[in-house]
Amino acid sequence: MRNEIPFKARIITLADAYDAMTSERSYRKGMSSEKAIIEIQKNSGSQFDPELAKVFVQMIENNEDNNIKESSV
């Protein structure tokens, strides 16, 4: 079933979901990156492609680590 959804669409869905969860809206505050990552991991295999979710989470975590290192310099 996973292969029925085009690869690019699976990537966009994951990125869009992360952005929606972490962005502030007029009706709610955005959640932290950590909480969004937990939601992505929780829904990996059902809502999100498990392989893409794993890579996406690693990329987000690596980016946050790099941002922390850059800000402390």
PDB file of N, CA and C in Angstrom:
ATOM      1  N   MET A   1       0.815  -1.193   0.000  1.00  0.00           N
ATOM      2  CA  MET A   1       0.000   0.000   0.000  1.00  0.00           C
ATOM      3  C   MET A   1       0.858   1.257   0.000  1.00  0.00           C
ATOM      4  N   ARG A   2       1.981   1.227   0.732  1.00  0.00           N
ATOM      5  CA  ARG A   2       2.872   2.372   0.809  1.00  0.00           C
ATOM      6  C   ARG A   2       3.324   2.809  -0.568  1.00  0.00           C
ATOM      7  N   ASN A   3       3.587   1.858  -1.444  1.00  0.00           N
ATOM      8  CA  ASN A   3       4.080   2.181  -2.773  1.00  0.00           C
ATOM      9  C   ASN A   3       3.017   2.796  -3.668  1.00  0.00           C
ATOM     10  N   GLU A   4       1.766   2.757  -3.231  1.00  0.00           N
ATOM     11  CA  GLU A   4       0.698   3.386  -4.005  1.00  0.00           C
ATOM     12  C   GLU A   4       0.773   4.908  -3.910  1.00  0.00           C
ATOM     13  N   ILE A   5       1.377   5.411  -2.850  1.00  0.00           N
ATOM     14  CA  ILE A   5       1.544   6.853  -2.667  1.00  0.00           C
ATOM     15  C   ILE A   5       2.910   7.235  -3.220  1.00  0.00           C
ATOM     16  N   PRO A   6       2.959   8.179  -4.152  1.00  0.00           N
ATOM     17  CA  PRO A   6       4.243   8.564  -4.743  1.00  0.00           C
ATOM     18  C   PRO A   6       5.262   9.000  -3.675  1.00  0.00           C
ATOM     19  N   PHE A   7       6.509   8.664  -3.911  1.00  0.00           N
ATOM     20  CA  PHE A   7       7.595   8.944  -2.984  1.00  0.00           C
ATOM     21  C   PHE A   7       7.643  10.426  -2.599  1.00  0.00           C
ATOM     22  N   LYS A   8       7.570  11.304  -3.576  1.00  0.00           N
ATOM     23  CA  LYS A   8       7.630  12.748  -3.298  1.00  0.00           C
ATOM     24  C   LYS A   8       6.455  13.190  -2.424  1.00  0.00           C
ATOM     25  N   ALA A   9       5.303  12.611  -2.636  1.00  0.00           N
ATOM     26  CA  ALA A   9       4.132  12.949  -1.826  1.00  0.00           C
ATOM     27  C   ALA A   9       4.325  12.514  -0.376  1.00  0.00           C
ATOM     28  N   ARG A  10       4.985  11.373  -0.162  1.00  0.00           N
ATOM     29  CA  ARG A  10       5.249  10.907   1.200  1.00  0.00           C
ATOM     30  C   ARG A  10       6.212  11.845   1.923  1.00  0.00           C
ATOM     31  N   ILE A  11       7.194  12.374   1.196  1.00  0.00           N
ATOM     32  CA  ILE A  11       8.140  13.327   1.786  1.00  0.00           C
ATOM     33  C   ILE A  11       7.418  14.624   2.150  1.00  0.00           C
ATOM     34  N   ILE A  12       6.625  15.133   1.215  1.00  0.00           N
ATOM     35  CA  ILE A  12       5.909  16.397   1.446  1.00  0.00           C
ATOM     36  C   ILE A  12       4.930  16.259   2.608  1.00  0.00           C
ATOM     37  N   THR A  13       4.258  15.139   2.694  1.00  0.00           N
ATOM     38  CA  THR A  13       3.308  14.902   3.785  1.00  0.00           C
ATOM     39  C   THR A  13       4.003  14.971   5.138  1.00  0.00           C
ATOM     40  N   LEU A  14       5.158  14.376   5.231  1.00  0.00           N
ATOM     41  CA  LEU A  14       5.917  14.362   6.475  1.00  0.00           C
ATOM     42  C   LEU A  14       6.397  15.769   6.841  1.00  0.00           C
ATOM     43  N   ALA A  15       6.963  16.475   5.881  1.00  0.00           N
ATOM     44  CA  ALA A  15       7.444  17.840   6.137  1.00  0.00           C
ATOM     45  C   ALA A  15       6.290  18.772   6.486  1.00  0.00           C
ATOM     46  N   ASP A  16       5.178  18.632   5.787  1.00  0.00           N
ATOM     47  CA  ASP A  16       4.014  19.484   6.048  1.00  0.00           C
ATOM     48  C   ASP A  16       3.443  19.218   7.439  1.00  0.00           C
ATOM     49  N   ALA A  17       3.393  17.971   7.834  1.00  0.00           N
ATOM     50  CA  ALA A  17       2.874  17.623   9.157  1.00  0.00           C
ATOM     51  C   ALA A  17       3.764  18.208  10.252  1.00  0.00           C
ATOM     52  N   TYR A  18       5.080  18.103  10.083  1.00  0.00           N
ATOM     53  CA  TYR A  18       6.016  18.660  11.060  1.00  0.00           C
ATOM     54  C   TYR A  18       5.832  20.176  11.152  1.00  0.00           C
ATOM     55  N   ASP A  19       5.739  20.832  10.001  1.00  0.00           N
ATOM     56  CA  ASP A  19       5.550  22.280   9.979  1.00  0.00           C
ATOM     57  C   ASP A  19       4.229  22.664  10.652  1.00  0.00           C
ATOM     58  N   ALA A  20       3.168  21.940  10.362  1.00  0.00           N
ATOM     59  CA  ALA A  20       1.861  22.230  10.965  1.00  0.00           C
ATOM     60  C   ALA A  20       1.901  22.049  12.482  1.00  0.00           C
ATOM     61  N   MET A  21       2.596  21.032  12.944  1.00  0.00           N
ATOM     62  CA  MET A  21       2.661  20.784  14.383  1.00  0.00           C
ATOM     63  C   MET A  21       3.490  21.827  15.118  1.00  0.00           C
ATOM     64  N   THR A  22       4.557  22.307  14.495  1.00  0.00           N
ATOM     65  CA  THR A  22       5.479  23.215  15.183  1.00  0.00           C
ATOM     66  C   THR A  22       5.182  24.692  14.939  1.00  0.00           C
ATOM     67  N   SER A  23       4.277  25.012  14.039  1.00  0.00           N
ATOM     68  CA  SER A  23       3.945  26.405  13.739  1.00  0.00           C
ATOM     69  C   SER A  23       2.814  26.896  14.635  1.00  0.00           C
ATOM     70  N   GLU A  24       2.914  28.155  15.012  1.00  0.00           N
ATOM     71  CA  GLU A  24       1.833  28.751  15.797  1.00  0.00           C
ATOM     72  C   GLU A  24       0.676  29.084  14.881  1.00  0.00           C
ATOM     73  N   ARG A  25      -0.519  28.877  15.376  1.00  0.00           N
ATOM     74  CA  ARG A  25      -1.753  29.198  14.661  1.00  0.00           C
ATOM     75  C   ARG A  25      -2.546  30.185  15.507  1.00  0.00           C
ATOM     76  N   SER A  26      -3.518  30.803  14.919  1.00  0.00           N
ATOM     77  CA  SER A  26      -4.321  31.766  15.675  1.00  0.00           C
ATOM     78  C   SER A  26      -5.112  31.072  16.791  1.00  0.00           C
ATOM     79  N   TYR A  27      -5.333  29.779  16.655  1.00  0.00           N
ATOM     80  CA  TYR A  27      -6.143  29.034  17.616  1.00  0.00           C
ATOM     81  C   TYR A  27      -5.339  28.135  18.546  1.00  0.00           C
ATOM     82  N   ARG A  28      -3.993  28.087  18.347  1.00  0.00           N
ATOM     83  CA  ARG A  28      -3.157  27.282  19.246  1.00  0.00           C
ATOM     84  C   ARG A  28      -1.689  27.630  19.060  1.00  0.00           C
ATOM     85  N   LYS A  29      -0.916  27.309  20.086  1.00  0.00           N
ATOM     86  CA  LYS A  29       0.530  27.496  20.005  1.00  0.00           C
ATOM     87  C   LYS A  29       1.141  26.285  19.298  1.00  0.00           C
ATOM     88  N   GLY A  30       2.271  26.507  18.656  1.00  0.00           N
ATOM     89  CA  GLY A  30       2.975  25.396  18.035  1.00  0.00           C
ATOM     90  C   GLY A  30       3.634  24.546  19.101  1.00  0.00           C
ATOM     91  N   MET A  31       3.721  23.260  18.838  1.00  0.00           N
ATOM     92  CA  MET A  31       4.383  22.379  19.801  1.00  0.00           C
ATOM     93  C   MET A  31       5.889  22.419  19.566  1.00  0.00           C
ATOM     94  N   SER A  32       6.630  21.968  20.548  1.00  0.00           N
ATOM     95  CA  SER A  32       8.084  21.936  20.424  1.00  0.00           C
ATOM     96  C   SER A  32       8.496  20.901  19.380  1.00  0.00           C
ATOM     97  N   SER A  33       9.693  21.061  18.896  1.00  0.00           N
ATOM     98  CA  SER A  33      10.232  20.098  17.937  1.00  0.00           C
ATOM     99  C   SER A  33      10.279  18.702  18.541  1.00  0.00           C
ATOM    100  N   GLU A  34      10.628  18.641  19.823  1.00  0.00           N
ATOM    101  CA  GLU A  34      10.710  17.341  20.502  1.00  0.00           C
ATOM    102  C   GLU A  34       9.356  16.626  20.512  1.00  0.00           C
ATOM    103  N   LYS A  35       8.298  17.380  20.806  1.00  0.00           N
ATOM    104  CA  LYS A  35       6.966  16.770  20.821  1.00  0.00           C
ATOM    105  C   LYS A  35       6.522  16.364  19.417  1.00  0.00           C
ATOM    106  N   ALA A  36       6.854  17.183  18.426  1.00  0.00           N
ATOM    107  CA  ALA A  36       6.509  16.847  17.042  1.00  0.00           C
ATOM    108  C   ALA A  36       7.225  15.570  16.611  1.00  0.00           C
ATOM    109  N   ILE A  37       8.472  15.441  17.002  1.00  0.00           N
ATOM    110  CA  ILE A  37       9.239  14.230  16.676  1.00  0.00           C
ATOM    111  C   ILE A  37       8.578  13.002  17.305  1.00  0.00           C
ATOM    112  N   ILE A  38       8.141  13.129  18.535  1.00  0.00           N
ATOM    113  CA  ILE A  38       7.462  12.014  19.210  1.00  0.00           C
ATOM    114  C   ILE A  38       6.198  11.630  18.445  1.00  0.00           C
ATOM    115  N   GLU A  39       5.432  12.624  18.005  1.00  0.00           N
ATOM    116  CA  GLU A  39       4.211  12.354  17.235  1.00  0.00           C
ATOM    117  C   GLU A  39       4.542  11.648  15.912  1.00  0.00           C
ATOM    118  N   ILE A  40       5.593  12.102  15.247  1.00  0.00           N
ATOM    119  CA  ILE A  40       5.991  11.464  13.985  1.00  0.00           C
ATOM    120  C   ILE A  40       6.394  10.018  14.243  1.00  0.00           C
ATOM    121  N   GLN A  41       7.178   9.792  15.287  1.00  0.00           N
ATOM    122  CA  GLN A  41       7.594   8.423  15.610  1.00  0.00           C
ATOM    123  C   GLN A  41       6.395   7.551  15.986  1.00  0.00           C
ATOM    124  N   LYS A  42       5.454   8.130  16.716  1.00  0.00           N
ATOM    125  CA  LYS A  42       4.256   7.389  17.138  1.00  0.00           C
ATOM    126  C   LYS A  42       3.411   6.971  15.927  1.00  0.00           C
ATOM    127  N   ASN A  43       3.389   7.826  14.909  1.00  0.00           N
ATOM    128  CA  ASN A  43       2.562   7.560  13.732  1.00  0.00           C
ATOM    129  C   ASN A  43       3.345   6.979  12.554  1.00  0.00           C
ATOM    130  N   SER A  44       4.595   6.647  12.807  1.00  0.00           N
ATOM    131  CA  SER A  44       5.418   6.008  11.789  1.00  0.00           C
ATOM    132  C   SER A  44       4.858   4.617  11.492  1.00  0.00           C
ATOM    133  N   GLY A  45       4.648   4.337  10.231  1.00  0.00           N
ATOM    134  CA  GLY A  45       4.096   3.044   9.850  1.00  0.00           C
ATOM    135  C   GLY A  45       2.604   3.077   9.606  1.00  0.00           C
ATOM    136  N   SER A  46       1.933   4.110  10.119  1.00  0.00           N
ATOM    137  CA  SER A  46       0.501   4.251   9.837  1.00  0.00           C
ATOM    138  C   SER A  46       0.260   5.521   9.023  1.00  0.00           C
ATOM    139  N   GLN A  47       0.542   6.662   9.603  1.00  0.00           N
ATOM    140  CA  GLN A  47       0.350   7.924   8.890  1.00  0.00           C
ATOM    141  C   GLN A  47       1.565   8.275   8.026  1.00  0.00           C
ATOM    142  N   PHE A  48       2.759   7.893   8.496  1.00  0.00           N
ATOM    143  CA  PHE A  48       3.997   8.248   7.805  1.00  0.00           C
ATOM    144  C   PHE A  48       4.778   7.010   7.399  1.00  0.00           C
ATOM    145  N   ASP A  49       5.455   7.112   6.267  1.00  0.00           N
ATOM    146  CA  ASP A  49       6.342   6.055   5.798  1.00  0.00           C
ATOM    147  C   ASP A  49       7.415   5.847   6.874  1.00  0.00           C
ATOM    148  N   PRO A  50       7.558   4.622   7.392  1.00  0.00           N
ATOM    149  CA  PRO A  50       8.494   4.405   8.502  1.00  0.00           C
ATOM    150  C   PRO A  50       9.951   4.700   8.157  1.00  0.00           C
ATOM    151  N   GLU A  51      10.363   4.380   6.958  1.00  0.00           N
ATOM    152  CA  GLU A  51      11.754   4.641   6.564  1.00  0.00           C
ATOM    153  C   GLU A  51      11.997   6.143   6.437  1.00  0.00           C
ATOM    154  N   LEU A  52      11.066   6.857   5.823  1.00  0.00           N
ATOM    155  CA  LEU A  52      11.206   8.304   5.681  1.00  0.00           C
ATOM    156  C   LEU A  52      11.116   8.994   7.038  1.00  0.00           C
ATOM    157  N   ALA A  53      10.241   8.516   7.905  1.00  0.00           N
ATOM    158  CA  ALA A  53      10.100   9.110   9.230  1.00  0.00           C
ATOM    159  C   ALA A  53      11.408   8.999  10.008  1.00  0.00           C
ATOM    160  N   LYS A  54      12.052   7.858   9.920  1.00  0.00           N
ATOM    161  CA  LYS A  54      13.319   7.654  10.625  1.00  0.00           C
ATOM    162  C   LYS A  54      14.375   8.637  10.127  1.00  0.00           C
ATOM    163  N   VAL A  55      14.504   8.768   8.815  1.00  0.00           N
ATOM    164  CA  VAL A  55      15.486   9.689   8.230  1.00  0.00           C
ATOM    165  C   VAL A  55      15.125  11.133   8.568  1.00  0.00           C
ATOM    166  N   PHE A  56      13.848  11.478   8.478  1.00  0.00           N
ATOM    167  CA  PHE A  56      13.392  12.836   8.769  1.00  0.00           C
ATOM    168  C   PHE A  56      13.732  13.211  10.212  1.00  0.00           C
ATOM    169  N   VAL A  57      13.435  12.331  11.147  1.00  0.00           N
ATOM    170  CA  VAL A  57      13.723  12.599  12.559  1.00  0.00           C
ATOM    171  C   VAL A  57      15.221  12.780  12.771  1.00  0.00           C
ATOM    172  N   GLN A  58      16.035  11.946  12.147  1.00  0.00           N
ATOM    173  CA  GLN A  58      17.488  12.086  12.263  1.00  0.00           C
ATOM    174  C   GLN A  58      17.951  13.439  11.724  1.00  0.00           C
ATOM    175  N   MET A  59      17.388  13.860  10.601  1.00  0.00           N
ATOM    176  CA  MET A  59      17.760  15.151  10.019  1.00  0.00           C
ATOM    177  C   MET A  59      17.378  16.297  10.950  1.00  0.00           C
ATOM    178  N   ILE A  60      16.191  16.257  11.519  1.00  0.00           N
ATOM    179  CA  ILE A  60      15.745  17.307  12.432  1.00  0.00           C
ATOM    180  C   ILE A  60      16.655  17.341  13.661  1.00  0.00           C
ATOM    181  N   GLU A  61      16.943  16.187  14.222  1.00  0.00           N
ATOM    182  CA  GLU A  61      17.793  16.130  15.415  1.00  0.00           C
ATOM    183  C   GLU A  61      19.205  16.615  15.107  1.00  0.00           C
ATOM    184  N   ASN A  62      19.754  16.232  13.962  1.00  0.00           N
ATOM    185  CA  ASN A  62      21.093  16.692  13.577  1.00  0.00           C
ATOM    186  C   ASN A  62      21.117  18.191  13.360  1.00  0.00           C
ATOM    187  N   ASN A  63      20.073  18.730  12.753  1.00  0.00           N
ATOM    188  CA  ASN A  63      19.990  20.167  12.519  1.00  0.00           C
ATOM    189  C   ASN A  63      19.920  20.922  13.843  1.00  0.00           C
ATOM    190  N   GLU A  64      19.147  20.392  14.792  1.00  0.00           N
ATOM    191  CA  GLU A  64      19.050  21.038  16.102  1.00  0.00           C
ATOM    192  C   GLU A  64      20.384  20.987  16.828  1.00  0.00           C
ATOM    193  N   ASP A  65      21.093  19.859  16.723  1.00  0.00           N
ATOM    194  CA  ASP A  65      22.412  19.754  17.337  1.00  0.00           C
ATOM    195  C   ASP A  65      23.367  20.777  16.738  1.00  0.00           C
ATOM    196  N   ASN A  66      23.315  20.954  15.412  1.00  0.00           N
ATOM    197  CA  ASN A  66      24.187  21.922  14.758  1.00  0.00           C
ATOM    198  C   ASN A  66      23.829  23.345  15.162  1.00  0.00           C
ATOM    199  N   ASN A  67      22.547  23.636  15.303  1.00  0.00           N
ATOM    200  CA  ASN A  67      22.117  24.969  15.725  1.00  0.00           C
ATOM    201  C   ASN A  67      22.604  25.278  17.139  1.00  0.00           C
ATOM    202  N   ILE A  68      22.570  24.284  18.010  1.00  0.00           N
ATOM    203  CA  ILE A  68      23.033  24.471  19.385  1.00  0.00           C
ATOM    204  C   ILE A  68      24.539  24.755  19.380  1.00  0.00           C
ATOM    205  N   LYS A  69      25.287  23.985  18.604  1.00  0.00           N
ATOM    206  CA  LYS A  69      26.739  24.184  18.537  1.00  0.00           C
ATOM    207  C   LYS A  69      27.062  25.564  17.968  1.00  0.00           C
ATOM    208  N   GLU A  70      26.352  25.995  16.930  1.00  0.00           N
ATOM    209  CA  GLU A  70      26.607  27.290  16.313  1.00  0.00           C
ATOM    210  C   GLU A  70      26.287  28.432  17.263  1.00  0.00           C
ATOM    211  N   SER A  71      25.215  28.298  18.025  1.00  0.00           N
ATOM    212  CA  SER A  71      24.816  29.396  18.918  1.00  0.00           C
ATOM    213  C   SER A  71      25.725  29.523  20.121  1.00  0.00           C
ATOM    214  N   SER A  72      26.448  28.470  20.458  1.00  0.00           N
ATOM    215  CA  SER A  72      27.344  28.529  21.615  1.00  0.00           C
ATOM    216  C   SER A  72      28.744  29.003  21.230  1.00  0.00           C
ATOM    217  N   VAL A  73      28.988  29.224  19.956  1.00  0.00           N
ATOM    218  CA  VAL A  73      30.315  29.675  19.503  1.00  0.00           C
ATOM    219  C   VAL A  73      30.434  31.171  19.642  1.00  0.00           C
TER     220      VAL A  73
END
